[in-house]
Amino acid sequence: MRLPLMLALAATVSSPAAAQTASLHLALTIPERCELTGMAATDPQQGVVQLRATCNAPVFDIVMDGALAQMPIRSATANQGQVSVQGNVIRLRTDRPGEFAFEIDYDVPLDQGLAIKAQILTL
């Protein structure tokens, strides 16, 4: 994942007649960037959907769209971080950026050929 970097640099130097001190202030800002990289109903009869995402935000939401937005999520797990579910939103809190794999379990079987739609939002 390539991320644009913004760098701010400031330096101050006092005159030689003063105490000959120098200071340097360095600030680096990395914008938050997240994207869904894969979605599939891996076991439609059991109501299981798998999502893959990459993200560098400490907290982000995955919002299920389309037909899945109206279906109750029974549970969701991820390969790292803490997952919580509220309605059709899965929230992940993590302490490191990277690739994430989610398994979402719905209360009902899913229709064959159901279009899996979702969006990812940083907070």
PDB file of N, CA and C in Angstrom:
ATOM      1  N   MET A   1       0.841  -1.158   0.000  1.00  0.00           N
ATOM      2  CA  MET A   1       0.000   0.000   0.000  1.00  0.00           C
ATOM      3  C   MET A   1       0.892   1.228   0.000  1.00  0.00           C
ATOM      4  N   ARG A   2       0.712   2.081  -0.987  1.00  0.00           N
ATOM      5  CA  ARG A   2       1.473   3.320  -1.060  1.00  0.00           C
ATOM      6  C   ARG A   2       0.660   4.428  -0.434  1.00  0.00           C
ATOM      7  N   LEU A   3       1.313   5.207   0.412  1.00  0.00           N
ATOM      8  CA  LEU A   3       0.649   6.319   1.063  1.00  0.00           C
ATOM      9  C   LEU A   3       1.417   7.597   0.812  1.00  0.00           C
ATOM     10  N   PRO A   4       0.721   8.669   0.461  1.00  0.00           N
ATOM     11  CA  PRO A   4       1.431   9.942   0.318  1.00  0.00           C
ATOM     12  C   PRO A   4       1.825  10.452   1.702  1.00  0.00           C
ATOM     13  N   LEU A   5       2.974  11.052   1.790  1.00  0.00           N
ATOM     14  CA  LEU A   5       3.459  11.580   3.057  1.00  0.00           C
ATOM     15  C   LEU A   5       3.524  13.091   2.983  1.00  0.00           C
ATOM     16  N   MET A   6       3.157  13.716   4.072  1.00  0.00           N
ATOM     17  CA  MET A   6       3.322  15.160   4.172  1.00  0.00           C
ATOM     18  C   MET A   6       4.325  15.398   5.284  1.00  0.00           C
ATOM     19  N   LEU A   7       5.334  16.200   5.011  1.00  0.00           N
ATOM     20  CA  LEU A   7       6.426  16.414   5.939  1.00  0.00           C
ATOM     21  C   LEU A   7       6.582  17.894   6.202  1.00  0.00           C
ATOM     22  N   ALA A   8       6.655  18.220   7.480  1.00  0.00           N
ATOM     23  CA  ALA A   8       6.898  19.613   7.862  1.00  0.00           C
ATOM     24  C   ALA A   8       8.199  19.635   8.649  1.00  0.00           C
ATOM     25  N   LEU A   9       9.041  20.582   8.349  1.00  0.00           N
ATOM     26  CA  LEU A   9      10.337  20.664   8.993  1.00  0.00           C
ATOM     27  C   LEU A   9      10.593  22.112   9.384  1.00  0.00           C
ATOM     28  N   ALA A  10      10.995  22.293  10.612  1.00  0.00           N
ATOM     29  CA  ALA A  10      11.324  23.644  11.076  1.00  0.00           C
ATOM     30  C   ALA A  10      12.593  23.554  11.905  1.00  0.00           C
ATOM     31  N   ALA A  11      13.469  24.518  11.729  1.00  0.00           N
ATOM     32  CA  ALA A  11      14.714  24.524  12.486  1.00  0.00           C
ATOM     33  C   ALA A  11      14.977  25.936  12.982  1.00  0.00           C
ATOM     34  N   THR A  12      15.546  25.995  14.166  1.00  0.00           N
ATOM     35  CA  THR A  12      15.959  27.288  14.701  1.00  0.00           C
ATOM     36  C   THR A  12      17.388  27.157  15.213  1.00  0.00           C
ATOM     37  N   VAL A  13      18.149  28.183  14.968  1.00  0.00           N
ATOM     38  CA  VAL A  13      19.539  28.211  15.435  1.00  0.00           C
ATOM     39  C   VAL A  13      19.770  29.582  16.059  1.00  0.00           C
ATOM     40  N   SER A  14      20.299  29.576  17.253  1.00  0.00           N
ATOM     41  CA  SER A  14      20.600  30.872  17.879  1.00  0.00           C
ATOM     42  C   SER A  14      21.988  31.332  17.452  1.00  0.00           C
ATOM     43  N   SER A  15      22.267  32.565  17.688  1.00  0.00           N
ATOM     44  CA  SER A  15      23.545  33.125  17.243  1.00  0.00           C
ATOM     45  C   SER A  15      24.705  32.540  18.044  1.00  0.00           C
ATOM     46  N   PRO A  16      25.903  32.537  17.477  1.00  0.00           N
ATOM     47  CA  PRO A  16      27.065  31.991  18.173  1.00  0.00           C
ATOM     48  C   PRO A  16      27.352  32.733  19.474  1.00  0.00           C
ATOM     49  N   ALA A  17      26.990  33.971  19.545  1.00  0.00           N
ATOM     50  CA  ALA A  17      27.223  34.724  20.778  1.00  0.00           C
ATOM     51  C   ALA A  17      26.328  34.226  21.898  1.00  0.00           C
ATOM     52  N   ALA A  18      25.206  33.625  21.534  1.00  0.00           N
ATOM     53  CA  ALA A  18      24.314  33.080  22.563  1.00  0.00           C
ATOM     54  C   ALA A  18      24.851  31.729  23.008  1.00  0.00           C
ATOM     55  N   ALA A  19      24.023  30.867  23.452  1.00  0.00           N
ATOM     56  CA  ALA A  19      24.469  29.599  24.027  1.00  0.00           C
ATOM     57  C   ALA A  19      24.764  28.522  22.996  1.00  0.00           C
ATOM     58  N   GLN A  20      24.773  28.839  21.740  1.00  0.00           N
ATOM     59  CA  GLN A  20      25.034  27.897  20.658  1.00  0.00           C
ATOM     60  C   GLN A  20      24.140  26.656  20.763  1.00  0.00           C
ATOM     61  N   THR A  21      22.854  26.896  20.730  1.00  0.00           N
ATOM     62  CA  THR A  21      21.912  25.778  20.763  1.00  0.00           C
ATOM     63  C   THR A  21      21.150  25.729  19.445  1.00  0.00           C
ATOM     64  N   ALA A  22      20.714  24.574  19.120  1.00  0.00           N
ATOM     65  CA  ALA A  22      19.904  24.376  17.919  1.00  0.00           C
ATOM     66  C   ALA A  22      18.777  23.426  18.272  1.00  0.00           C
ATOM     67  N   SER A  23      17.657  23.622  17.620  1.00  0.00           N
ATOM     68  CA  SER A  23      16.547  22.692  17.827  1.00  0.00           C
ATOM     69  C   SER A  23      15.932  22.371  16.477  1.00  0.00           C
ATOM     70  N   LEU A  24      15.321  21.229  16.406  1.00  0.00           N
ATOM     71  CA  LEU A  24      14.711  20.762  15.178  1.00  0.00           C
ATOM     72  C   LEU A  24      13.355  20.181  15.526  1.00  0.00           C
ATOM     73  N   HIS A  25      12.309  20.585  14.802  1.00  0.00           N
ATOM     74  CA  HIS A  25      10.964  20.061  14.993  1.00  0.00           C
ATOM     75  C   HIS A  25      10.550  19.366  13.702  1.00  0.00           C
ATOM     76  N   LEU A  26      10.207  18.111  13.812  1.00  0.00           N
ATOM     77  CA  LEU A  26       9.842  17.311  12.652  1.00  0.00           C
ATOM     78  C   LEU A  26       8.435  16.779  12.866  1.00  0.00           C
ATOM     79  N   ALA A  27       7.546  17.001  11.915  1.00  0.00           N
ATOM     80  CA  ALA A  27       6.176  16.494  11.989  1.00  0.00           C
ATOM     81  C   ALA A  27       5.873  15.720  10.710  1.00  0.00           C
ATOM     82  N   LEU A  28       5.288  14.565  10.866  1.00  0.00           N
ATOM     83  CA  LEU A  28       4.973  13.704   9.743  1.00  0.00           C
ATOM     84  C   LEU A  28       3.501  13.338   9.822  1.00  0.00           C
ATOM     85  N   THR A  29       2.758  13.531   8.756  1.00  0.00           N
ATOM     86  CA  THR A  29       1.343  13.189   8.710  1.00  0.00           C
ATOM     87  C   THR A  29       1.118  12.151   7.620  1.00  0.00           C
ATOM     88  N   ILE A  30       0.524  11.034   8.010  1.00  0.00           N
ATOM     89  CA  ILE A  30       0.177   9.995   7.053  1.00  0.00           C
ATOM     90  C   ILE A  30      -1.341   9.943   6.989  1.00  0.00           C
ATOM     91  N   PRO A  31      -1.926  10.254   5.850  1.00  0.00           N
ATOM     92  CA  PRO A  31      -3.386  10.238   5.753  1.00  0.00           C
ATOM     93  C   PRO A  31      -3.947   8.830   5.944  1.00  0.00           C
ATOM     94  N   GLU A  32      -5.142   8.754   6.533  1.00  0.00           N
ATOM     95  CA  GLU A  32      -5.793   7.462   6.694  1.00  0.00           C
ATOM     96  C   GLU A  32      -6.330   7.014   5.341  1.00  0.00           C
ATOM     97  N   ARG A  33      -6.114   5.740   5.056  1.00  0.00           N
ATOM     98  CA  ARG A  33      -6.574   5.186   3.782  1.00  0.00           C
ATOM     99  C   ARG A  33      -7.031   3.756   4.015  1.00  0.00           C
ATOM    100  N   CYS A  34      -8.234   3.469   3.572  1.00  0.00           N
ATOM    101  CA  CYS A  34      -8.794   2.130   3.723  1.00  0.00           C
ATOM    102  C   CYS A  34      -9.515   1.733   2.440  1.00  0.00           C
ATOM    103  N   GLU A  35      -9.488   0.443   2.130  1.00  0.00           N
ATOM    104  CA  GLU A  35     -10.245  -0.037   0.982  1.00  0.00           C
ATOM    105  C   GLU A  35     -10.612  -1.500   1.173  1.00  0.00           C
ATOM    106  N   LEU A  36     -11.766  -1.860   0.646  1.00  0.00           N
ATOM    107  CA  LEU A  36     -12.181  -3.248   0.618  1.00  0.00           C
ATOM    108  C   LEU A  36     -11.513  -3.909  -0.575  1.00  0.00           C
ATOM    109  N   THR A  37     -10.884  -5.063  -0.343  1.00  0.00           N
ATOM    110  CA  THR A  37     -10.141  -5.724  -1.417  1.00  0.00           C
ATOM    111  C   THR A  37     -10.776  -7.029  -1.869  1.00  0.00           C
ATOM    112  N   GLY A  38     -11.791  -7.496  -1.152  1.00  0.00           N
ATOM    113  CA  GLY A  38     -12.464  -8.731  -1.555  1.00  0.00           C
ATOM    114  C   GLY A  38     -13.740  -8.949  -0.778  1.00  0.00           C
ATOM    115  N   MET A  39     -14.768  -9.486  -1.454  1.00  0.00           N
ATOM    116  CA  MET A  39     -16.049  -9.790  -0.823  1.00  0.00           C
ATOM    117  C   MET A  39     -16.625 -11.033  -1.482  1.00  0.00           C
ATOM    118  N   ALA A  40     -17.103 -11.972  -0.657  1.00  0.00           N
ATOM    119  CA  ALA A  40     -17.697 -13.186  -1.213  1.00  0.00           C
ATOM    120  C   ALA A  40     -18.603 -13.853  -0.182  1.00  0.00           C
ATOM    121  N   ALA A  41     -19.684 -14.443  -0.659  1.00  0.00           N
ATOM    122  CA  ALA A  41     -20.526 -15.295   0.184  1.00  0.00           C
ATOM    123  C   ALA A  41     -19.902 -16.684   0.118  1.00  0.00           C
ATOM    124  N   THR A  42     -19.096 -17.025   1.110  1.00  0.00           N
ATOM    125  CA  THR A  42     -18.337 -18.273   1.067  1.00  0.00           C
ATOM    126  C   THR A  42     -19.171 -19.493   1.436  1.00  0.00           C
ATOM    127  N   ASP A  43     -20.228 -19.302   2.220  1.00  0.00           N
ATOM    128  CA  ASP A  43     -21.129 -20.389   2.578  1.00  0.00           C
ATOM    129  C   ASP A  43     -22.546 -19.820   2.642  1.00  0.00           C
ATOM    130  N   PRO A  44     -23.182 -19.605   1.481  1.00  0.00           N
ATOM    131  CA  PRO A  44     -24.492 -18.952   1.460  1.00  0.00           C
ATOM    132  C   PRO A  44     -25.563 -19.707   2.247  1.00  0.00           C
ATOM    133  N   GLN A  45     -25.512 -21.044   2.249  1.00  0.00           N
ATOM    134  CA  GLN A  45     -26.521 -21.820   2.985  1.00  0.00           C
ATOM    135  C   GLN A  45     -26.467 -21.553   4.486  1.00  0.00           C
ATOM    136  N   GLN A  46     -25.275 -21.254   4.996  1.00  0.00           N
ATOM    137  CA  GLN A  46     -25.110 -20.946   6.420  1.00  0.00           C
ATOM    138  C   GLN A  46     -25.120 -19.449   6.688  1.00  0.00           C
ATOM    139  N   GLY A  47     -25.221 -18.636   5.637  1.00  0.00           N
ATOM    140  CA  GLY A  47     -25.268 -17.183   5.804  1.00  0.00           C
ATOM    141  C   GLY A  47     -23.920 -16.564   6.122  1.00  0.00           C
ATOM    142  N   VAL A  48     -22.834 -17.100   5.554  1.00  0.00           N
ATOM    143  CA  VAL A  48     -21.485 -16.622   5.863  1.00  0.00           C
ATOM    144  C   VAL A  48     -20.925 -15.805   4.689  1.00  0.00           C
ATOM    145  N   VAL A  49     -20.431 -14.607   5.023  1.00  0.00           N
ATOM    146  CA  VAL A  49     -19.803 -13.712   4.058  1.00  0.00           C
ATOM    147  C   VAL A  49     -18.397 -13.414   4.550  1.00  0.00           C
ATOM    148  N   GLN A  50     -17.431 -13.400   3.641  1.00  0.00           N
ATOM    149  CA  GLN A  50     -16.067 -13.016   3.990  1.00  0.00           C
ATOM    150  C   GLN A  50     -15.700 -11.739   3.253  1.00  0.00           C
ATOM    151  N   LEU A  51     -15.044 -10.836   3.985  1.00  0.00           N
ATOM    152  CA  LEU A  51     -14.545  -9.585   3.424  1.00  0.00           C
ATOM    153  C   LEU A  51     -13.065  -9.486   3.707  1.00  0.00           C
ATOM    154  N   ARG A  52     -12.355  -8.812   2.819  1.00  0.00           N
ATOM    155  CA  ARG A  52     -10.936  -8.504   3.032  1.00  0.00           C
ATOM    156  C   ARG A  52     -10.774  -7.001   2.861  1.00  0.00           C
ATOM    157  N   ALA A  53      -9.905  -6.413   3.685  1.00  0.00           N
ATOM    158  CA  ALA A  53      -9.686  -4.971   3.629  1.00  0.00           C
ATOM    159  C   ALA A  53      -8.243  -4.666   3.993  1.00  0.00           C
ATOM    160  N   THR A  54      -7.758  -3.527   3.509  1.00  0.00           N
ATOM    161  CA  THR A  54      -6.491  -2.973   3.982  1.00  0.00           C
ATOM    162  C   THR A  54      -6.814  -1.602   4.557  1.00  0.00           C
ATOM    163  N   CYS A  55      -6.163  -1.264   5.680  1.00  0.00           N
ATOM    164  CA  CYS A  55      -6.478   0.002   6.329  1.00  0.00           C
ATOM    165  C   CYS A  55      -5.353   0.388   7.279  1.00  0.00           C
ATOM    166  N   ASN A  56      -5.122   1.706   7.402  1.00  0.00           N
ATOM    167  CA  ASN A  56      -4.137   2.181   8.366  1.00  0.00           C
ATOM    168  C   ASN A  56      -4.782   3.039   9.454  1.00  0.00           C
ATOM    169  N   ALA A  57      -6.119   3.086   9.507  1.00  0.00           N
ATOM    170  CA  ALA A  57      -6.827   3.842  10.547  1.00  0.00           C
ATOM    171  C   ALA A  57      -6.963   2.971  11.801  1.00  0.00           C
ATOM    172  N   PRO A  58      -6.912   3.572  12.992  1.00  0.00           N
ATOM    173  CA  PRO A  58      -7.043   2.792  14.214  1.00  0.00           C
ATOM    174  C   PRO A  58      -8.461   2.282  14.457  1.00  0.00           C
ATOM    175  N   VAL A  59      -9.455   2.961  13.889  1.00  0.00           N
ATOM    176  CA  VAL A  59     -10.859   2.547  14.004  1.00  0.00           C
ATOM    177  C   VAL A  59     -11.514   2.773  12.651  1.00  0.00           C
ATOM    178  N   PHE A  60     -12.243   1.771  12.177  1.00  0.00           N
ATOM    179  CA  PHE A  60     -12.992   1.951  10.940  1.00  0.00           C
ATOM    180  C   PHE A  60     -14.240   1.080  10.957  1.00  0.00           C
ATOM    181  N   ASP A  61     -15.216   1.493  10.143  1.00  0.00           N
ATOM    182  CA  ASP A  61     -16.482   0.776  10.025  1.00  0.00           C
ATOM    183  C   ASP A  61     -16.603   0.172   8.641  1.00  0.00           C
ATOM    184  N   ILE A  62     -17.224  -0.994   8.592  1.00  0.00           N
ATOM    185  CA  ILE A  62     -17.652  -1.581   7.341  1.00  0.00           C
ATOM    186  C   ILE A  62     -19.174  -1.568   7.383  1.00  0.00           C
ATOM    187  N   VAL A  63     -19.759  -0.899   6.406  1.00  0.00           N
ATOM    188  CA  VAL A  63     -21.214  -0.761   6.341  1.00  0.00           C
ATOM    189  C   VAL A  63     -21.713  -1.651   5.208  1.00  0.00           C
ATOM    190  N   MET A  64     -22.560  -2.607   5.544  1.00  0.00           N
ATOM    191  CA  MET A  64     -23.111  -3.499   4.543  1.00  0.00           C
ATOM    192  C   MET A  64     -24.220  -2.767   3.794  1.00  0.00           C
ATOM    193  N   ASP A  65     -24.217  -2.881   2.468  1.00  0.00           N
ATOM    194  CA  ASP A  65     -25.182  -2.191   1.611  1.00  0.00           C
ATOM    195  C   ASP A  65     -26.032  -3.202   0.846  1.00  0.00           C
ATOM    196  N   GLY A  66     -26.931  -2.667   0.033  1.00  0.00           N
ATOM    197  CA  GLY A  66     -27.769  -3.507  -0.810  1.00  0.00           C
ATOM    198  C   GLY A  66     -28.692  -4.381   0.021  1.00  0.00           C
ATOM    199  N   ALA A  67     -28.930  -5.596  -0.447  1.00  0.00           N
ATOM    200  CA  ALA A  67     -29.831  -6.520   0.248  1.00  0.00           C
ATOM    201  C   ALA A  67     -29.314  -6.874   1.641  1.00  0.00           C
ATOM    202  N   LEU A  68     -27.997  -6.896   1.824  1.00  0.00           N
ATOM    203  CA  LEU A  68     -27.435  -7.251   3.134  1.00  0.00           C
ATOM    204  C   LEU A  68     -27.659  -6.172   4.187  1.00  0.00           C
ATOM    205  N   ALA A  69     -27.947  -4.952   3.778  1.00  0.00           N
ATOM    206  CA  ALA A  69     -28.178  -3.863   4.733  1.00  0.00           C
ATOM    207  C   ALA A  69     -29.417  -4.126   5.581  1.00  0.00           C
ATOM    208  N   GLN A  70     -30.360  -4.892   5.049  1.00  0.00           N
ATOM    209  CA  GLN A  70     -31.613  -5.164   5.758  1.00  0.00           C
ATOM    210  C   GLN A  70     -31.579  -6.465   6.559  1.00  0.00           C
ATOM    211  N   MET A  71     -30.495  -7.213   6.470  1.00  0.00           N
ATOM    212  CA  MET A  71     -30.423  -8.512   7.139  1.00  0.00           C
ATOM    213  C   MET A  71     -29.672  -8.393   8.459  1.00  0.00           C
ATOM    214  N   PRO A  72     -30.159  -9.072   9.495  1.00  0.00           N
ATOM    215  CA  PRO A  72     -29.475  -9.004  10.793  1.00  0.00           C
ATOM    216  C   PRO A  72     -28.153  -9.780  10.781  1.00  0.00           C
ATOM    217  N   ILE A  73     -27.106  -9.159  11.306  1.00  0.00           N
ATOM    218  CA  ILE A  73     -25.809  -9.832  11.459  1.00  0.00           C
ATOM    219  C   ILE A  73     -25.796 -10.500  12.823  1.00  0.00           C
ATOM    220  N   ARG A  74     -25.558 -11.794  12.848  1.00  0.00           N
ATOM    221  CA  ARG A  74     -25.488 -12.521  14.117  1.00  0.00           C
ATOM    222  C   ARG A  74     -24.155 -12.253  14.806  1.00  0.00           C
ATOM    223  N   SER A  75     -23.066 -12.321  14.027  1.00  0.00           N
ATOM    224  CA  SER A  75     -21.743 -12.086  14.610  1.00  0.00           C
ATOM    225  C   SER A  75     -20.748 -11.771  13.504  1.00  0.00           C
ATOM    226  N   ALA A  76     -19.611 -11.223  13.903  1.00  0.00           N
ATOM    227  CA  ALA A  76     -18.520 -10.945  12.964  1.00  0.00           C
ATOM    228  C   ALA A  76     -17.202 -11.131  13.698  1.00  0.00           C
ATOM    229  N   THR A  77     -16.215 -11.661  12.993  1.00  0.00           N
ATOM    230  CA  THR A  77     -14.875 -11.828  13.552  1.00  0.00           C
ATOM    231  C   THR A  77     -13.868 -11.262  12.565  1.00  0.00           C
ATOM    232  N   ALA A  78     -12.678 -10.946  13.074  1.00  0.00           N
ATOM    233  CA  ALA A  78     -11.588 -10.451  12.233  1.00  0.00           C
ATOM    234  C   ALA A  78     -10.302 -11.121  12.668  1.00  0.00           C
ATOM    235  N   ASN A  79      -9.314 -11.134  11.780  1.00  0.00           N
ATOM    236  CA  ASN A  79      -8.044 -11.788  12.079  1.00  0.00           C
ATOM    237  C   ASN A  79      -7.202 -11.006  13.077  1.00  0.00           C
ATOM    238  N   GLN A  80      -7.563  -9.747  13.354  1.00  0.00           N
ATOM    239  CA  GLN A  80      -6.879  -8.956  14.381  1.00  0.00           C
ATOM    240  C   GLN A  80      -7.786  -7.817  14.813  1.00  0.00           C
ATOM    241  N   GLY A  81      -7.554  -7.290  16.003  1.00  0.00           N
ATOM    242  CA  GLY A  81      -8.334  -6.173  16.508  1.00  0.00           C
ATOM    243  C   GLY A  81      -9.600  -6.615  17.219  1.00  0.00           C
ATOM    244  N   GLN A  82     -10.364  -5.623  17.693  1.00  0.00           N
ATOM    245  CA  GLN A  82     -11.616  -5.858  18.401  1.00  0.00           C
ATOM    246  C   GLN A  82     -12.781  -5.505  17.493  1.00  0.00           C
ATOM    247  N   VAL A  83     -13.704  -6.438  17.329  1.00  0.00           N
ATOM    248  CA  VAL A  83     -14.842  -6.264  16.436  1.00  0.00           C
ATOM    249  C   VAL A  83     -16.115  -6.066  17.258  1.00  0.00           C
ATOM    250  N   SER A  84     -16.942  -5.118  16.817  1.00  0.00           N
ATOM    251  CA  SER A  84     -18.277  -4.973  17.384  1.00  0.00           C
ATOM    252  C   SER A  84     -19.258  -4.805  16.230  1.00  0.00           C
ATOM    253  N   VAL A  85     -20.502  -5.206  16.468  1.00  0.00           N
ATOM    254  CA  VAL A  85     -21.531  -5.160  15.435  1.00  0.00           C
ATOM    255  C   VAL A  85     -22.719  -4.378  15.971  1.00  0.00           C
ATOM    256  N   GLN A  86     -23.237  -3.477  15.147  1.00  0.00           N
ATOM    257  CA  GLN A  86     -24.460  -2.760  15.473  1.00  0.00           C
ATOM    258  C   GLN A  86     -25.267  -2.606  14.183  1.00  0.00           C
ATOM    259  N   GLY A  87     -26.381  -3.300  14.105  1.00  0.00           N
ATOM    260  CA  GLY A  87     -27.194  -3.274  12.893  1.00  0.00           C
ATOM    261  C   GLY A  87     -26.425  -3.868  11.723  1.00  0.00           C
ATOM    262  N   ASN A  88     -26.249  -3.086  10.660  1.00  0.00           N
ATOM    263  CA  ASN A  88     -25.517  -3.562   9.488  1.00  0.00           C
ATOM    264  C   ASN A  88     -24.097  -2.987   9.431  1.00  0.00           C
ATOM    265  N   VAL A  89     -23.581  -2.518  10.592  1.00  0.00           N
ATOM    266  CA  VAL A  89     -22.254  -1.912  10.671  1.00  0.00           C
ATOM    267  C   VAL A  89     -21.332  -2.774  11.526  1.00  0.00           C
ATOM    268  N   ILE A  90     -20.155  -3.052  10.979  1.00  0.00           N
ATOM    269  CA  ILE A  90     -19.110  -3.786  11.708  1.00  0.00           C
ATOM    270  C   ILE A  90     -18.001  -2.790  11.993  1.00  0.00           C
ATOM    271  N   ARG A  91     -17.650  -2.604  13.256  1.00  0.00           N
ATOM    272  CA  ARG A  91     -16.590  -1.668  13.646  1.00  0.00           C
ATOM    273  C   ARG A  91     -15.366  -2.459  14.099  1.00  0.00           C
ATOM    274  N   LEU A  92     -14.207  -2.036  13.621  1.00  0.00           N
ATOM    275  CA  LEU A  92     -12.952  -2.660  14.026  1.00  0.00           C
ATOM    276  C   LEU A  92     -12.056  -1.621  14.678  1.00  0.00           C
ATOM    277  N   ARG A  93     -11.562  -1.949  15.861  1.00  0.00           N
ATOM    278  CA  ARG A  93     -10.546  -1.151  16.551  1.00  0.00           C
ATOM    279  C   ARG A  93      -9.264  -1.976  16.541  1.00  0.00           C
ATOM    280  N   THR A  94      -8.196  -1.363  16.056  1.00  0.00           N
ATOM    281  CA  THR A  94      -6.940  -2.096  15.939  1.00  0.00           C
ATOM    282  C   THR A  94      -5.778  -1.199  16.336  1.00  0.00           C
ATOM    283  N   ASP A  95      -4.692  -1.803  16.729  1.00  0.00           N
ATOM    284  CA  ASP A  95      -3.509  -1.027  17.123  1.00  0.00           C
ATOM    285  C   ASP A  95      -2.417  -1.052  16.064  1.00  0.00           C
ATOM    286  N   ARG A  96      -2.714  -1.621  14.896  1.00  0.00           N
ATOM    287  CA  ARG A  96      -1.711  -1.625  13.833  1.00  0.00           C
ATOM    288  C   ARG A  96      -2.399  -1.666  12.470  1.00  0.00           C
ATOM    289  N   PRO A  97      -1.803  -1.020  11.493  1.00  0.00           N
ATOM    290  CA  PRO A  97      -2.368  -1.045  10.148  1.00  0.00           C
ATOM    291  C   PRO A  97      -2.068  -2.378   9.472  1.00  0.00           C
ATOM    292  N   GLY A  98      -2.794  -2.649   8.418  1.00  0.00           N
ATOM    293  CA  GLY A  98      -2.483  -3.857   7.663  1.00  0.00           C
ATOM    294  C   GLY A  98      -3.655  -4.383   6.884  1.00  0.00           C
ATOM    295  N   GLU A  99      -3.588  -5.695   6.637  1.00  0.00           N
ATOM    296  CA  GLU A  99      -4.640  -6.397   5.920  1.00  0.00           C
ATOM    297  C   GLU A  99      -5.523  -7.104   6.929  1.00  0.00           C
ATOM    298  N   PHE A 100      -6.823  -7.032   6.694  1.00  0.00           N
ATOM    299  CA  PHE A 100      -7.787  -7.594   7.627  1.00  0.00           C
ATOM    300  C   PHE A 100      -8.713  -8.545   6.890  1.00  0.00           C
ATOM    301  N   ALA A 101      -9.029  -9.664   7.529  1.00  0.00           N
ATOM    302  CA  ALA A 101      -9.975 -10.631   6.988  1.00  0.00           C
ATOM    303  C   ALA A 101     -11.138 -10.729   7.972  1.00  0.00           C
ATOM    304  N   PHE A 102     -12.348 -10.565   7.462  1.00  0.00           N
ATOM    305  CA  PHE A 102     -13.556 -10.612   8.278  1.00  0.00           C
ATOM    306  C   PHE A 102     -14.413 -11.795   7.853  1.00  0.00           C
ATOM    307  N   GLU A 103     -15.066 -12.404   8.834  1.00  0.00           N
ATOM    308  CA  GLU A 103     -16.089 -13.392   8.553  1.00  0.00           C
ATOM    309  C   GLU A 103     -17.363 -12.908   9.223  1.00  0.00           C
ATOM    310  N   ILE A 104     -18.411 -12.754   8.435  1.00  0.00           N
ATOM    311  CA  ILE A 104     -19.675 -12.218   8.917  1.00  0.00           C
ATOM    312  C   ILE A 104     -20.714 -13.328   8.845  1.00  0.00           C
ATOM    313  N   ASP A 105     -21.389 -13.544   9.959  1.00  0.00           N
ATOM    314  CA  ASP A 105     -22.380 -14.607  10.051  1.00  0.00           C
ATOM    315  C   ASP A 105     -23.766 -13.966  10.176  1.00  0.00           C
ATOM    316  N   TYR A 106     -24.619 -14.220   9.179  1.00  0.00           N
ATOM    317  CA  TYR A 106     -25.989 -13.720   9.195  1.00  0.00           C
ATOM    318  C   TYR A 106     -26.901 -14.764   9.827  1.00  0.00           C
ATOM    319  N   ASP A 107     -28.055 -14.334  10.289  1.00  0.00           N
ATOM    320  CA  ASP A 107     -29.010 -15.236  10.930  1.00  0.00           C
ATOM    321  C   ASP A 107     -29.749 -16.133   9.944  1.00  0.00           C
ATOM    322  N   VAL A 108     -29.636 -15.851   8.662  1.00  0.00           N
ATOM    323  CA  VAL A 108     -30.441 -16.559   7.667  1.00  0.00           C
ATOM    324  C   VAL A 108     -29.565 -16.995   6.492  1.00  0.00           C
ATOM    325  N   PRO A 109     -30.005 -18.035   5.772  1.00  0.00           N
ATOM    326  CA  PRO A 109     -29.290 -18.391   4.537  1.00  0.00           C
ATOM    327  C   PRO A 109     -29.382 -17.249   3.533  1.00  0.00           C
ATOM    328  N   LEU A 110     -28.382 -17.134   2.696  1.00  0.00           N
ATOM    329  CA  LEU A 110     -28.340 -16.073   1.685  1.00  0.00           C
ATOM    330  C   LEU A 110     -28.754 -16.636   0.334  1.00  0.00           C
ATOM    331  N   ASP A 111     -29.419 -15.812  -0.452  1.00  0.00           N
ATOM    332  CA  ASP A 111     -29.829 -16.226  -1.790  1.00  0.00           C
ATOM    333  C   ASP A 111     -28.604 -16.481  -2.656  1.00  0.00           C
ATOM    334  N   GLN A 112     -28.693 -17.496  -3.503  1.00  0.00           N
ATOM    335  CA  GLN A 112     -27.625 -17.755  -4.467  1.00  0.00           C
ATOM    336  C   GLN A 112     -27.510 -16.550  -5.395  1.00  0.00           C
ATOM    337  N   GLY A 113     -26.319 -16.134  -5.708  1.00  0.00           N
ATOM    338  CA  GLY A 113     -26.105 -15.012  -6.612  1.00  0.00           C
ATOM    339  C   GLY A 113     -26.341 -13.646  -5.986  1.00  0.00           C
ATOM    340  N   LEU A 114     -26.495 -13.599  -4.669  1.00  0.00           N
ATOM    341  CA  LEU A 114     -26.705 -12.330  -3.981  1.00  0.00           C
ATOM    342  C   LEU A 114     -25.467 -11.436  -4.179  1.00  0.00           C
ATOM    343  N   ALA A 115     -25.683 -10.210  -4.577  1.00  0.00           N
ATOM    344  CA  ALA A 115     -24.580  -9.257  -4.755  1.00  0.00           C
ATOM    345  C   ALA A 115     -24.117  -8.780  -3.380  1.00  0.00           C
ATOM    346  N   ILE A 116     -22.840  -8.950  -3.086  1.00  0.00           N
ATOM    347  CA  ILE A 116     -22.266  -8.509  -1.821  1.00  0.00           C
ATOM    348  C   ILE A 116     -21.814  -7.074  -2.016  1.00  0.00           C
ATOM    349  N   LYS A 117     -22.403  -6.153  -1.275  1.00  0.00           N
ATOM    350  CA  LYS A 117     -22.048  -4.739  -1.377  1.00  0.00           C
ATOM    351  C   LYS A 117     -21.735  -4.199   0.013  1.00  0.00           C
ATOM    352  N   ALA A 118     -20.662  -3.414   0.090  1.00  0.00           N
ATOM    353  CA  ALA A 118     -20.266  -2.820   1.366  1.00  0.00           C
ATOM    354  C   ALA A 118     -19.404  -1.608   1.093  1.00  0.00           C
ATOM    355  N   GLN A 119     -19.266  -0.770   2.094  1.00  0.00           N
ATOM    356  CA  GLN A 119     -18.345   0.363   2.010  1.00  0.00           C
ATOM    357  C   GLN A 119     -17.580   0.456   3.316  1.00  0.00           C
ATOM    358  N   ILE A 120     -16.414   1.050   3.257  1.00  0.00           N
ATOM    359  CA  ILE A 120     -15.558   1.186   4.430  1.00  0.00           C
ATOM    360  C   ILE A 120     -15.404   2.664   4.757  1.00  0.00           C
ATOM    361  N   LEU A 121     -15.556   2.992   6.031  1.00  0.00           N
ATOM    362  CA  LEU A 121     -15.501   4.387   6.486  1.00  0.00           C
ATOM    363  C   LEU A 121     -14.516   4.517   7.636  1.00  0.00           C
ATOM    364  N   THR A 122     -13.674   5.537   7.590  1.00  0.00           N
ATOM    365  CA  THR A 122     -12.790   5.820   8.715  1.00  0.00           C
ATOM    366  C   THR A 122     -13.496   6.802   9.639  1.00  0.00           C
ATOM    367  N   LEU A 123     -13.187   6.730  10.910  1.00  0.00           N
ATOM    368  CA  LEU A 123     -13.853   7.585  11.902  1.00  0.00           C
ATOM    369  C   LEU A 123     -12.974   8.732  12.319  1.00  0.00           C
TER     370      LEU A 123
END
